Structure formats: C-alpha cells, structure tokens
Amino acid sequence: MPETLDPITLAPMPLVPRPGIVVGNISATCHKSSANEKIPTNTYLPIKR
C-alpha cells in the first residue's frame, strides 16, 4: 500500500485498515444487493389537464 501524506504538512500519515477500496484517505465499501431489494424505476406518467 503506498504511503499517504497529509496534504497540508506533507507528513506521512499512519495506515488505517479499512474494508473495501482505499485511495489516499478516501474509502469506498461495495455492498451486495439483497435479493428482495426494490429499486425505484423512472416511469413517466402523463397527467391529464
């Protein structure tokens, strides 16, 4: 894992173990969708005036 530097002081920062993907001090955790998860759809419903 590459060394992370503090952007202000440019001092090395300690490594922090995190699950997922880590770039610098930014981390992203991927979640598996559950089987019964309802994903909203983008459906256009015309409105009569």
Protein backbone atom coordinates (compact mmCIF):
# COMPACT_ATOMS: atom_id res chain seq x y z
CA MET A 1 0.00 0.00 0.00
CA PRO A 2 1.52 3.39 -0.94
CA GLU A 3 2.31 5.92 1.74
CA THR A 4 -0.33 8.59 2.42
CA LEU A 5 0.83 12.15 3.05
CA ASP A 6 -1.01 14.89 4.92
CA PRO A 7 -1.85 17.48 2.22
CA ILE A 8 -1.03 20.43 4.50
CA THR A 9 2.10 19.31 6.35
CA LEU A 10 3.23 16.66 3.83
CA ALA A 11 3.99 14.43 6.83
CA PRO A 12 3.39 10.68 6.44
CA MET A 13 0.07 9.54 7.87
CA PRO A 14 -0.44 6.20 9.63
CA LEU A 15 -2.15 3.44 7.69
CA VAL A 16 -5.75 2.79 8.69
CA PRO A 17 -7.09 -0.67 7.86
CA ARG A 18 -10.44 -0.33 6.08
CA PRO A 19 -12.56 -2.84 4.20
CA GLY A 20 -13.19 -2.12 0.54
CA ILE A 21 -11.28 0.13 -1.83
CA VAL A 22 -8.98 2.80 -0.40
CA VAL A 23 -7.33 5.62 -2.34
CA GLY A 24 -5.44 8.05 -0.14
CA ASN A 25 -7.78 8.80 2.76
CA ILE A 26 -10.91 8.13 0.68
CA SER A 27 -12.52 4.71 1.05
CA ALA A 28 -15.43 3.02 -0.68
CA THR A 29 -17.19 -0.11 0.50
CA CYS A 30 -19.08 -2.18 -2.04
CA HIS A 31 -22.34 -3.68 -0.83
CA LYS A 32 -24.07 -6.69 -2.32
CA SER A 33 -27.71 -6.03 -3.16
CA SER A 34 -30.19 -8.09 -1.20
CA ALA A 35 -32.50 -10.45 -3.09
CA ASN A 36 -35.68 -8.54 -2.17
CA GLU A 37 -34.33 -5.01 -2.61
CA LYS A 38 -36.78 -2.81 -4.51
CA ILE A 39 -35.05 -0.45 -6.93
CA PRO A 40 -37.17 2.58 -7.86
CA THR A 41 -37.89 2.99 -11.54
CA ASN A 42 -38.04 6.18 -13.52
CA THR A 43 -41.51 5.87 -15.05
CA TYR A 44 -43.16 8.77 -16.83
CA LEU A 45 -46.87 9.05 -16.10
CA PRO A 46 -48.69 11.65 -18.21
CA ILE A 47 -51.06 13.93 -16.29
CA LYS A 48 -54.31 14.99 -17.98
CA ARG A 49 -55.08 18.68 -17.66
